[in-house]
C-alpha atoms as a PDB file:
ATOM      1  CA  MET A   1       0.091   0.168   0.024  1.00  0.00           C
ATOM      2  CA  ASN A   2       1.343   3.910  -0.690  1.00  0.00           C
ATOM      3  CA  TYR A   3       0.047   6.833   0.925  1.00  0.00           C
ATOM      4  CA  GLN A   4      -1.898   7.997  -2.096  1.00  0.00           C
ATOM      5  CA  ASP A   5      -4.139   5.139  -1.232  1.00  0.00           C
ATOM      6  CA  TYR A   6      -5.789   6.543   1.874  1.00  0.00           C
ATOM      7  CA  GLN A   7      -6.652  10.222  -0.339  1.00  0.00           C
ATOM      8  CA  LYS A   8      -8.308   7.543  -2.190  1.00  0.00           C
ATOM      9  CA  ALA A   9      -9.844   5.600   0.433  1.00  0.00           C
ATOM     10  CA  SER A  10     -11.117   8.779   2.331  1.00  0.00           C
ATOM     11  CA  ALA A  11     -12.997  10.078  -0.986  1.00  0.00           C
ATOM     12  CA  LYS A  12     -14.311   7.001  -1.304  1.00  0.00           C
ATOM     13  CA  HIS A  13     -15.744   7.139   1.416  1.00  0.00           C
ATOM     14  CA  LEU A  14     -16.721  10.472   1.913  1.00  0.00           C
ATOM     15  CA  LEU A  15     -19.027  10.180  -1.648  1.00  0.00           C
ATOM     16  CA  SER A  16     -20.716   6.467   0.181  1.00  0.00           C
ATOM     17  CA  CYS A  17     -21.626   9.059   3.053  1.00  0.00           C
ATOM     18  CA  GLN A  18     -23.068  11.899   1.177  1.00  0.00           C
ATOM     19  CA  SER A  19     -25.081   9.116  -0.317  1.00  0.00           C
ATOM     20  CA  ILE A  20     -26.508   7.620   2.404  1.00  0.00           C
ATOM     21  CA  LEU A  21     -27.267  10.893   3.939  1.00  0.00           C
ATOM     22  CA  LEU A  22     -29.794  11.576   0.874  1.00  0.00           C
ATOM     23  CA  VAL A  23     -31.043   8.066   1.426  1.00  0.00           C
ATOM     24  CA  LEU A  24     -31.429   9.218   5.702  1.00  0.00           C
ATOM     25  CA  ASP A  25     -33.141  12.196   4.428  1.00  0.00           C
ATOM     26  CA  SER A  26     -35.604  10.020   2.083  1.00  0.00           C
ATOM     27  CA  LEU A  27     -36.167   7.944   4.707  1.00  0.00           C
ATOM     28  CA  ASN A  28     -36.978  10.276   7.464  1.00  0.00           C
ATOM     29  CA  SER A  29     -39.140  12.578   5.425  1.00  0.00           C
ATOM     30  CA  GLU A  30     -41.818   9.862   5.745  1.00  0.00           C
ATOM     31  CA  ASN A  31     -44.497   9.596   7.701  1.00  0.00           C
ATOM     32  CA  ASN A  32     -43.353   6.128   9.119  1.00  0.00           C
ATOM     33  CA  ASP A  33     -42.885   5.069  12.903  1.00  0.00           C
ATOM     34  CA  THR A  34     -42.632   1.316  12.086  1.00  0.00           C
ATOM     35  CA  LYS A  35     -39.735  -1.087  13.292  1.00  0.00           C
ATOM     36  CA  ASN A  36     -38.708  -1.728  10.349  1.00  0.00           C
ATOM     37  CA  HIS A  37     -38.465   2.127   9.123  1.00  0.00           C
ATOM     38  CA  ASN A  38     -36.961   2.425  12.280  1.00  0.00           C
ATOM     39  CA  GLN A  39     -34.621   0.263  12.147  1.00  0.00           C
ATOM     40  CA  LYS A  40     -33.434   1.361   8.680  1.00  0.00           C
ATOM     41  CA  ILE A  41     -32.669   4.452  10.060  1.00  0.00           C
ATOM     42  CA  LYS A  42     -30.313   2.658  12.900  1.00  0.00           C
ATOM     43  CA  VAL A  43     -28.510   0.656  10.313  1.00  0.00           C
ATOM     44  CA  LEU A  44     -27.559   4.314   8.078  1.00  0.00           C
ATOM     45  CA  LEU A  45     -26.697   6.512  11.320  1.00  0.00           C
ATOM     46  CA  HIS A  46     -23.931   3.491  12.412  1.00  0.00           C
ATOM     47  CA  ASN A  47     -22.487   3.011   8.406  1.00  0.00           C
ATOM     48  CA  LEU A  48     -22.428   7.300   8.367  1.00  0.00           C
ATOM     49  CA  PHE A  49     -20.498   7.309  11.578  1.00  0.00           C
ATOM     50  CA  TYR A  50     -17.894   4.205  10.832  1.00  0.00           C
ATOM     51  CA  LEU A  51     -17.648   5.551   7.035  1.00  0.00           C
ATOM     52  CA  SER A  52     -17.252   8.928   8.512  1.00  0.00           C
ATOM     53  CA  GLY A  53     -14.510   7.807  11.488  1.00  0.00           C
ATOM     54  CA  TYR A  54     -12.709   5.782   8.306  1.00  0.00           C
ATOM     55  CA  THR A  55     -13.065   8.774   6.019  1.00  0.00           C
ATOM     56  CA  LEU A  56     -11.678  10.906   8.571  1.00  0.00           C
ATOM     57  CA  GLU A  57      -8.363   8.521   9.654  1.00  0.00           C
ATOM     58  CA  SER A  58      -7.714   7.799   5.773  1.00  0.00           C
ATOM     59  CA  ILE A  59      -7.152  11.811   5.170  1.00  0.00           C
ATOM     60  CA  ILE A  60      -5.346  12.264   8.117  1.00  0.00           C
ATOM     61  CA  ASN A  61      -3.038   9.495   7.408  1.00  0.00           C
ATOM     62  CA  TYR A  62      -2.858  10.812   3.581  1.00  0.00           C
ATOM     63  CA  SER A  63      -2.237  14.027   5.327  1.00  0.00           C
ATOM     64  CA  ILE A  64       0.504  13.441   7.357  1.00  0.00           C
ATOM     65  CA  TYR A  65       2.302  11.275   5.251  1.00  0.00           C
ATOM     66  CA  LYS A  66       1.562  14.394   2.586  1.00  0.00           C
ATOM     67  CA  HIS A  67       3.098  17.374   4.341  1.00  0.00           C
ATOM     68  CA  PHE A  68       6.373  14.969   5.424  1.00  0.00           C
ATOM     69  CA  ARG A  69       7.278  14.219   2.758  1.00  0.00           C
ATOM     70  CA  TRP A  70       6.866  10.829   2.391  1.00  0.00           C
ATOM     71  CA  SER A  71       9.309   9.212  -0.174  1.00  0.00           C
ATOM     72  CA  LYS A  72       8.798   5.064  -0.007  1.00  0.00           C
ATOM     73  CA  SER A  73       6.856   3.162  -2.275  1.00  0.00           C
ATOM     74  CA  SER A  74       5.666   1.126   0.720  1.00  0.00           C
ATOM     75  CA  ILE A  75       3.879   3.398   3.762  1.00  0.00           C
ATOM     76  CA  TYR A  76       5.057  -0.387   6.024  1.00  0.00           C
ATOM     77  CA  GLU A  77       8.574   1.005   5.296  1.00  0.00           C
ATOM     78  CA  ILE A  78      11.131   2.278   8.028  1.00  0.00           C
ATOM     79  CA  ASP A  79      11.869   5.361   7.343  1.00  0.00           C
ATOM     80  CA  HIS A  80      13.466   7.344  10.089  1.00  0.00           C
ATOM     81  CA  ASN A  81      14.621  10.836   8.841  1.00  0.00           C
ATOM     82  CA  PHE A  82      10.476  10.858   8.076  1.00  0.00           C
ATOM     83  CA  SER A  83       9.554   9.710  11.088  1.00  0.00           C
ATOM     84  CA  SER A  84      11.813  11.509  13.510  1.00  0.00           C
ATOM     85  CA  LYS A  85      10.662  14.762  11.821  1.00  0.00           C
ATOM     86  CA  CYS A  86       6.864  14.330  12.926  1.00  0.00           C
ATOM     87  CA  ASP A  87       7.148  11.320  15.519  1.00  0.00           C
ATOM     88  CA  LEU A  88       5.163   9.113  12.961  1.00  0.00           C
ATOM     89  CA  THR A  89       5.683   4.989  12.403  1.00  0.00           C
ATOM     90  CA  PHE A  90       3.570   2.368  10.632  1.00  0.00           C
ATOM     91  CA  TYR A  91       4.072   0.411  13.380  1.00  0.00           C
ATOM     92  CA  PRO A  92       3.913   1.137  16.947  1.00  0.00           C
ATOM     93  CA  ASP A  93       7.369  -1.139  17.875  1.00  0.00           C
ATOM     94  CA  VAL A  94       9.494   0.652  15.196  1.00  0.00           C
ATOM     95  CA  PRO A  95      12.591   1.764  17.651  1.00  0.00           C
ATOM     96  CA  ARG A  96      14.338   5.151  17.008  1.00  0.00           C
ATOM     97  CA  GLN A  97      17.389   5.308  14.848  1.00  0.00           C
ATOM     98  CA  ASN A  98      19.333   6.594  17.936  1.00  0.00           C
ATOM     99  CA  GLY A  99      18.168   3.245  19.811  1.00  0.00           C
ATOM    100  CA  ARG A 100      15.897   6.074  22.372  1.00  0.00           C
ATOM    101  CA  GLY A 101      12.492   3.954  22.706  1.00  0.00           C
ATOM    102  CA  ASN A 102       9.511   4.150  20.563  1.00  0.00           C
ATOM    103  CA  TYR A 103       8.150   6.503  18.031  1.00  0.00           C
ATOM    104  CA  LEU A 104       4.972   8.810  19.648  1.00  0.00           C
ATOM    105  CA  PHE A 105       2.638   7.971  17.051  1.00  0.00           C
ATOM    106  CA  TYR A 106       1.741   5.418  14.385  1.00  0.00           C
ATOM    107  CA  ILE A 107      -0.909   3.831  12.089  1.00  0.00           C
ATOM    108  CA  SER A 108      -1.343   0.119  12.562  1.00  0.00           C
ATOM    109  CA  GLN A 109      -3.827   0.188  14.923  1.00  0.00           C
ATOM    110  CA  HIS A 110      -6.568   3.321  14.083  1.00  0.00           C
ATOM    111  CA  GLU A 111      -5.342   5.972  16.635  1.00  0.00           C
ATOM    112  CA  PHE A 112      -6.227   8.466  14.208  1.00  0.00           C
ATOM    113  CA  SER A 113      -7.376  10.723  16.900  1.00  0.00           C
ATOM    114  CA  ARG A 114      -4.072  10.804  18.741  1.00  0.00           C
ATOM    115  CA  ASN A 115      -2.369  11.309  15.321  1.00  0.00           C
ATOM    116  CA  ILE A 116      -4.581  14.083  14.533  1.00  0.00           C
ATOM    117  CA  GLN A 117      -1.690  16.012  16.870  1.00  0.00           C
ATOM    118  CA  ILE A 118       0.697  15.729  14.112  1.00  0.00           C
ATOM    119  CA  LEU A 119      -1.532  17.510  11.893  1.00  0.00           C
ATOM    120  CA  SER A 120      -2.230  20.537  14.607  1.00  0.00           C
ATOM    121  CA  LYS A 121       1.322  20.875  15.595  1.00  0.00           C
ATOM    122  CA  ALA A 122       2.688  21.444  11.797  1.00  0.00           C
ATOM    123  CA  LEU A 123      -0.622  23.186   9.945  1.00  0.00           C
ATOM    124  CA  PRO A 124      -1.846  25.151  13.028  1.00  0.00           C
ATOM    125  CA  ASN A 125      -3.488  28.045  11.400  1.00  0.00           C
ATOM    126  CA  SER A 126      -5.461  26.060   9.022  1.00  0.00           C
ATOM    127  CA  LYS A 127      -8.635  26.594   9.664  1.00  0.00           C
ATOM    128  CA  VAL A 128      -9.634  23.500   9.452  1.00  0.00           C
ATOM    129  CA  PRO A 129     -11.648  22.168  11.656  1.00  0.00           C
ATOM    130  CA  LEU A 130     -10.510  19.312  14.591  1.00  0.00           C
ATOM    131  CA  ILE A 131      -6.936  20.462  13.354  1.00  0.00           C
ATOM    132  CA  ASP A 132      -6.891  24.299  14.312  1.00  0.00           C
ATOM    133  CA  ARG A 133      -7.698  24.884  17.853  1.00  0.00           C
ATOM    134  CA  THR A 134      -8.970  28.146  17.468  1.00  0.00           C
ATOM    135  CA  ILE A 135     -12.175  26.120  15.445  1.00  0.00           C
ATOM    136  CA  SER A 136     -15.013  26.038  17.734  1.00  0.00           C
ATOM    137  CA  VAL A 137     -15.992  22.259  16.996  1.00  0.00           C
ATOM    138  CA  ASP A 138     -18.950  20.928  19.196  1.00  0.00           C
ATOM    139  CA  LYS A 139     -18.542  18.589  22.252  1.00  0.00           C
ATOM    140  CA  ASP A 140     -20.904  16.312  20.715  1.00  0.00           C
ATOM    141  CA  LEU A 141     -19.120  16.356  17.484  1.00  0.00           C
ATOM    142  CA  ILE A 142     -15.237  15.493  19.015  1.00  0.00           C
ATOM    143  CA  ASN A 143     -17.095  12.729  21.289  1.00  0.00           C
ATOM    144  CA  LEU A 144     -18.266  11.124  18.092  1.00  0.00           C
ATOM    145  CA  PHE A 145     -14.439  11.651  17.023  1.00  0.00           C
ATOM    146  CA  LEU A 146     -12.482  10.616  20.420  1.00  0.00           C
ATOM    147  CA  ASN A 147     -14.771   7.590  20.816  1.00  0.00           C
ATOM    148  CA  TRP A 148     -14.676   6.307  16.839  1.00  0.00           C
ATOM    149  CA  LYS A 149     -13.299   2.952  16.764  1.00  0.00           C
ATOM    150  CA  VAL A 150     -12.433   0.863  14.005  1.00  0.00           C
ATOM    151  CA  GLU A 151     -14.264  -2.236  15.569  1.00  0.00           C
ATOM    152  CA  ILE A 152     -17.643  -0.473  15.212  1.00  0.00           C
ATOM    153  CA  ARG A 153     -18.519  -1.984  11.640  1.00  0.00           C
ATOM    154  CA  TYR A 154     -18.500  -5.494  13.641  1.00  0.00           C
ATOM    155  CA  HIS A 155     -21.128  -3.903  16.107  1.00  0.00           C
ATOM    156  CA  PRO A 156     -24.663  -4.308  15.356  1.00  0.00           C
ATOM    157  CA  GLU A 157     -26.911  -1.153  14.977  1.00  0.00           C
ATOM    158  CA  SER A 158     -28.512  -1.224  17.765  1.00  0.00           C
ATOM    159  CA  THR A 159     -25.479  -1.222  19.714  1.00  0.00           C
ATOM    160  CA  GLN A 160     -26.078   0.989  22.740  1.00  0.00           C
ATOM    161  CA  TYR A 161     -22.801   3.261  23.449  1.00  0.00           C
ATOM    162  CA  SER A 162     -22.608   4.907  26.626  1.00  0.00           C
ATOM    163  CA  THR A 163     -20.599   7.386  25.829  1.00  0.00           C
ATOM    164  CA  ILE A 164     -22.087   8.677  22.392  1.00  0.00           C
ATOM    165  CA  GLU A 165     -25.571   9.372  20.610  1.00  0.00           C
ATOM    166  CA  LEU A 166     -26.184   8.042  17.528  1.00  0.00           C
ATOM    167  CA  THR A 167     -29.060  11.252  16.142  1.00  0.00           C
ATOM    168  CA  ILE A 168     -30.146  12.349  12.741  1.00  0.00           C
ATOM    169  CA  ASP A 169     -28.539  15.669  14.198  1.00  0.00           C
ATOM    170  CA  ASN A 170     -25.317  14.617  15.326  1.00  0.00           C
ATOM    171  CA  ILE A 171     -24.416  11.881  12.508  1.00  0.00           C
ATOM    172  CA  LYS A 172     -25.246  14.922   9.884  1.00  0.00           C
ATOM    173  CA  ARG A 173     -23.095  17.358  11.590  1.00  0.00           C
ATOM    174  CA  PHE A 174     -20.350  14.540  11.633  1.00  0.00           C
ATOM    175  CA  VAL A 175     -20.358  14.033   8.104  1.00  0.00           C
ATOM    176  CA  SER A 176     -20.778  17.827   7.401  1.00  0.00           C
ATOM    177  CA  THR A 177     -17.633  18.378   9.766  1.00  0.00           C
ATOM    178  CA  THR A 178     -15.689  15.652   8.010  1.00  0.00           C
ATOM    179  CA  ASP A 179     -16.469  17.063   4.939  1.00  0.00           C
ATOM    180  CA  GLN A 180     -14.366  20.275   5.442  1.00  0.00           C
ATOM    181  CA  VAL A 181     -11.439  18.335   7.320  1.00  0.00           C
ATOM    182  CA  TYR A 182     -11.816  16.682   4.185  1.00  0.00           C
ATOM    183  CA  ASN A 183     -11.804  19.629   1.787  1.00  0.00           C
ATOM    184  CA  GLY A 184      -9.804  21.554   4.105  1.00  0.00           C
ATOM    185  CA  LEU A 185      -6.702  19.194   4.165  1.00  0.00           C
ATOM    186  CA  MET A 186      -7.050  18.339   0.149  1.00  0.00           C
ATOM    187  CA  LYS A 187      -6.805  22.172  -0.072  1.00  0.00           C
ATOM    188  CA  LEU A 188      -3.681  22.366   2.080  1.00  0.00           C
ATOM    189  CA  VAL A 189      -1.729  19.016   1.065  1.00  0.00           C
ATOM    190  CA  GLY A 190      -3.045  18.193  -1.826  1.00  0.00           C
END
């Protein structure tokens, strides 16, 4: 895999989110309160949450690689010059070139809500939500962002999360913020 695949994945998932939103709007406009109808809405909200998070993860990873000029053909390779600039490797157990501990950030375990700190430091005045700390983001959306986990794809849509609430309003705003992050980063790093 090369780092450009992250950008392609994020664009694909964002388009899927936008398409699912249209279906959600259509379902939501129906005057129907049946169990089947409500189940469909829950499924869409769950999938939008997962795909939005995956979009964010992909565009964040792409932007880090692009901004810090990754030059290897595969993201799985070790490049201490790159890693020393941004403190990022693919695997968490890669020791620093000088042998003193491991790099702080890594990609393999999907902890992009931590890795975004790299972009916040590198692009502090970006005007991109979640990256530029001067841009206000609702607590509900921050909570969704911080609590996204890759394992969500395996959860049934009926899963009740103790720390987040998947409502139509929250998810629409989360997708909108995801869109802003994607487009903002693409303008900055290309």
